[in-house]
Amino acid sequence: MTDFILDAITQAGYLGIFLLMALENIVPPIPSEVIMGLAGMAVARGDMALVPLVLVGTAGTTAGNCFWYWLGVRFGYERFRPFVERHGRWLTLDWSGVERLHAFFVRHGGWVIFVFRFMPAFRTIVSLPAGMTRMPLFRFLVWTFAGSLIWNTVLAEAGVLLGSRFQDLHRYVGPATIAVFVAMAVGYAWRVATWKPD
């Protein structure tokens, strides 16, 4: 099965990697860990080259994140006020908290975007507040590309190191991803249970 997937990635080529990485950030059909990990294995087989793979994959990631940035610009954060006021408990956020987050993102948004590119659950959604706070597009693109370049390089290199041993990649990435999601779920449940509006 792994050989079949690797053959499909090889046939799709760099354009296929670009499209998959863009889609992964809009409607995640396949996680980037799998896409870039398998593409790294294609590099190990000699079917692709590492540098073009990482650059094209990162360009796809950046393009996909532009969708969420555009939504943020289109709607702005003020339109979310009725929703926040109605569902504040489940968001564990009231409107004064939203305004504080907005001010924080205006001041520090660049490094926040860069750091969040390494967090599985947040690396895409962080583009939404970037658009809501009207972060300059060029700045958004630079921070997104820089963080994604490092992340995608790590994933592709992992695929190269593991060669064609897909099960080894799944053994390490799968449990780590599950652990992150479990920790997030527990943290969220605790926050909902203990949250009080300002």
Protein backbone atom coordinates (compact mmCIF):
# COMPACT_ATOMS: atom_id res chain seq x y z
CA MET A 1 0.00 0.00 0.00
CA THR A 2 2.83 2.40 0.87
CA ASP A 3 4.42 1.85 -2.54
CA PHE A 4 1.08 2.63 -4.21
CA ILE A 5 0.78 5.93 -2.30
CA LEU A 6 4.39 6.84 -3.02
CA ASP A 7 3.86 6.10 -6.72
CA ALA A 8 0.76 8.33 -6.70
CA ILE A 9 2.71 11.19 -5.07
CA THR A 10 5.51 10.76 -7.58
CA GLN A 11 3.08 10.87 -10.51
CA ALA A 12 1.30 13.94 -9.12
CA GLY A 13 4.69 15.64 -8.85
CA TYR A 14 5.39 19.00 -7.28
CA LEU A 15 2.10 20.48 -8.50
CA GLY A 16 0.27 17.70 -6.65
CA ILE A 17 2.24 18.47 -3.48
CA PHE A 18 1.37 22.16 -3.82
CA LEU A 19 -2.35 21.41 -4.21
CA LEU A 20 -2.44 18.87 -1.37
CA MET A 21 -0.67 21.24 1.02
CA ALA A 22 -2.98 24.11 0.05
CA LEU A 23 -6.09 21.94 0.54
CA GLU A 24 -4.74 20.59 3.82
CA ASN A 25 -4.93 24.12 5.18
CA ILE A 26 -8.45 24.83 3.89
CA VAL A 27 -10.36 21.56 4.35
CA PRO A 28 -7.84 19.11 5.83
CA PRO A 29 -8.27 15.87 3.85
CA ILE A 30 -4.80 14.59 4.74
CA PRO A 31 -2.52 16.01 7.46
CA SER A 32 0.67 17.74 6.36
CA GLU A 33 2.62 15.23 8.46
CA VAL A 34 1.48 12.48 6.09
CA ILE A 35 1.86 14.48 2.87
CA MET A 36 5.36 15.76 3.55
CA GLY A 37 6.45 12.59 5.31
CA LEU A 38 5.50 10.43 2.33
CA ALA A 39 6.98 12.96 -0.09
CA GLY A 40 10.21 12.73 1.92
CA MET A 41 10.14 8.98 1.38
CA ALA A 42 9.79 9.67 -2.36
CA VAL A 43 12.97 11.75 -2.02
CA ALA A 44 14.67 8.78 -0.36
CA ARG A 45 13.67 6.64 -3.36
CA GLY A 46 15.18 9.20 -5.74
CA ASP A 47 11.82 10.20 -7.25
CA MET A 48 11.85 13.79 -5.97
CA ALA A 49 14.41 16.34 -4.75
CA LEU A 50 14.29 17.67 -1.19
CA VAL A 51 14.76 21.42 -1.77
CA PRO A 52 12.08 21.83 -4.49
CA LEU A 53 9.75 19.59 -2.46
CA VAL A 54 10.06 21.73 0.68
CA LEU A 55 9.75 25.01 -1.23
CA VAL A 56 6.70 23.88 -3.21
CA GLY A 57 5.07 22.33 -0.13
CA THR A 58 5.63 25.54 1.82
CA ALA A 59 4.22 27.62 -1.02
CA GLY A 60 1.10 25.41 -0.92
CA THR A 61 0.83 25.83 2.85
CA THR A 62 1.10 29.60 2.51
CA ALA A 63 -1.51 29.70 -0.26
CA GLY A 64 -3.94 27.62 1.81
CA ASN A 65 -3.51 29.91 4.81
CA CYS A 66 -4.36 32.92 2.65
CA PHE A 67 -7.93 31.58 2.49
CA TRP A 68 -8.34 31.95 6.27
CA TYR A 69 -6.55 35.30 6.24
CA TRP A 70 -8.97 36.53 3.59
CA LEU A 71 -11.97 35.36 5.67
CA GLY A 72 -10.61 37.29 8.64
CA VAL A 73 -10.21 40.44 6.54
CA ARG A 74 -13.67 39.96 5.02
CA PHE A 75 -15.57 39.58 8.29
CA GLY A 76 -13.46 41.47 10.84
CA TYR A 77 -13.62 40.73 14.51
CA GLU A 78 -16.53 43.06 15.40
CA ARG A 79 -19.01 40.83 13.54
CA PHE A 80 -18.28 38.04 16.01
CA ARG A 81 -19.49 40.02 19.02
CA PRO A 82 -23.07 38.59 19.09
CA PHE A 83 -21.68 35.06 18.72
CA VAL A 84 -19.15 35.58 21.52
CA GLU A 85 -21.76 37.08 23.82
CA ARG A 86 -24.12 34.16 23.18
CA HIS A 87 -21.57 31.34 23.45
CA GLY A 88 -18.93 32.83 25.73
CA ARG A 89 -18.94 29.92 28.18
CA TRP A 90 -18.05 27.37 25.48
CA LEU A 91 -15.50 29.71 23.97
CA THR A 92 -14.27 30.46 27.52
CA LEU A 93 -14.08 34.05 26.33
CA ASP A 94 -16.12 37.21 26.79
CA TRP A 95 -15.97 40.29 24.58
CA SER A 96 -13.46 42.13 26.79
CA GLY A 97 -11.20 39.10 26.40
CA VAL A 98 -11.61 39.26 22.62
CA GLU A 99 -10.59 42.91 22.66
CA ARG A 100 -7.50 42.11 24.74
CA LEU A 101 -6.56 39.30 22.34
CA HIS A 102 -7.11 41.64 19.42
CA ALA A 103 -4.78 44.25 20.94
CA PHE A 104 -2.18 41.58 21.74
CA PHE A 105 -2.28 40.24 18.18
CA VAL A 106 -1.93 43.74 16.74
CA ARG A 107 1.27 44.19 18.80
CA HIS A 108 2.79 40.71 18.56
CA GLY A 109 1.04 38.95 15.66
CA GLY A 110 4.16 38.22 13.63
CA TRP A 111 5.92 35.96 16.11
CA VAL A 112 2.58 34.43 17.18
CA ILE A 113 1.99 33.29 13.59
CA PHE A 114 5.53 31.97 13.34
CA VAL A 115 5.30 29.94 16.60
CA PHE A 116 1.80 28.60 15.85
CA ARG A 117 3.06 27.07 12.59
CA PHE A 118 4.56 24.30 14.76
CA MET A 119 1.28 23.52 16.58
CA PRO A 120 -0.91 20.91 14.85
CA ALA A 121 -4.29 22.27 15.95
CA PHE A 122 -3.58 25.98 15.61
CA ARG A 123 -1.21 26.46 12.70
CA THR A 124 -4.06 27.05 10.22
CA ILE A 125 -6.65 28.81 12.37
CA VAL A 126 -4.14 31.46 13.51
CA SER A 127 -4.48 32.96 10.02
CA LEU A 128 -8.02 34.05 10.88
CA PRO A 129 -7.06 36.58 13.59
CA ALA A 130 -4.23 37.77 11.35
CA GLY A 131 -6.85 38.81 8.82
CA MET A 132 -9.23 40.15 11.47
CA THR A 133 -6.55 42.46 12.83
CA ARG A 134 -5.67 43.56 9.29
CA MET A 135 -2.06 42.44 9.57
CA PRO A 136 -0.28 43.67 6.42
CA LEU A 137 -0.44 40.89 3.82
CA PHE A 138 3.30 40.92 3.11
CA ARG A 139 4.10 40.53 6.82
CA PHE A 140 1.58 37.71 7.12
CA LEU A 141 3.08 35.91 4.12
CA VAL A 142 6.65 36.26 5.41
CA TRP A 143 5.87 34.87 8.90
CA THR A 144 3.68 32.11 7.49
CA PHE A 145 6.25 31.04 4.93
CA ALA A 146 9.14 31.16 7.44
CA GLY A 147 7.41 29.01 10.08
CA SER A 148 5.96 26.61 7.52
CA LEU A 149 9.35 26.22 5.81
CA ILE A 150 10.92 24.94 9.03
CA TRP A 151 7.98 22.64 9.83
CA ASN A 152 7.82 21.17 6.32
CA THR A 153 11.58 20.66 6.24
CA VAL A 154 11.41 18.66 9.49
CA LEU A 155 8.56 16.52 8.11
CA ALA A 156 10.26 15.89 4.77
CA GLU A 157 13.59 15.08 6.45
CA ALA A 158 11.78 12.61 8.73
CA GLY A 159 10.39 10.93 5.63
CA VAL A 160 13.85 10.78 4.06
CA LEU A 161 15.37 9.28 7.21
CA LEU A 162 12.65 6.68 7.52
CA GLY A 163 12.93 5.79 3.86
CA SER A 164 10.10 3.52 2.79
CA ARG A 165 9.23 2.47 6.35
CA PHE A 166 5.81 4.12 6.52
CA GLN A 167 4.84 2.23 9.66
CA ASP A 168 7.79 3.77 11.50
CA LEU A 169 6.60 7.26 10.55
CA HIS A 170 3.07 6.43 11.69
CA ARG A 171 4.41 4.94 14.93
CA TYR A 172 6.09 8.20 15.94
CA VAL A 173 3.84 10.88 14.44
CA GLY A 174 0.51 9.20 15.27
CA PRO A 175 0.96 8.90 19.06
CA ALA A 176 2.48 12.38 19.31
CA THR A 177 -0.50 13.90 17.48
CA ILE A 178 -2.96 11.96 19.65
CA ALA A 179 -1.17 13.07 22.82
CA VAL A 180 -1.40 16.72 21.75
CA PHE A 181 -5.13 16.43 21.02
CA VAL A 182 -5.83 14.64 24.33
CA ALA A 183 -3.93 17.33 26.25
CA MET A 184 -5.88 20.02 24.41
CA ALA A 185 -9.23 18.31 25.15
CA VAL A 186 -8.40 17.99 28.86
CA GLY A 187 -7.20 21.60 28.99
CA TYR A 188 -10.36 22.81 27.25
CA ALA A 189 -12.66 20.82 29.60
CA TRP A 190 -10.83 22.28 32.61
CA ARG A 191 -11.09 25.81 31.21
CA VAL A 192 -14.85 25.47 30.55
CA ALA A 193 -15.43 24.09 34.07
CA THR A 194 -13.48 26.86 35.79
CA TRP A 195 -14.15 29.83 33.48
CA LYS A 196 -15.78 32.97 34.84
CA PRO A 197 -16.52 36.07 32.76
CA ASP A 198 -14.66 39.28 33.60
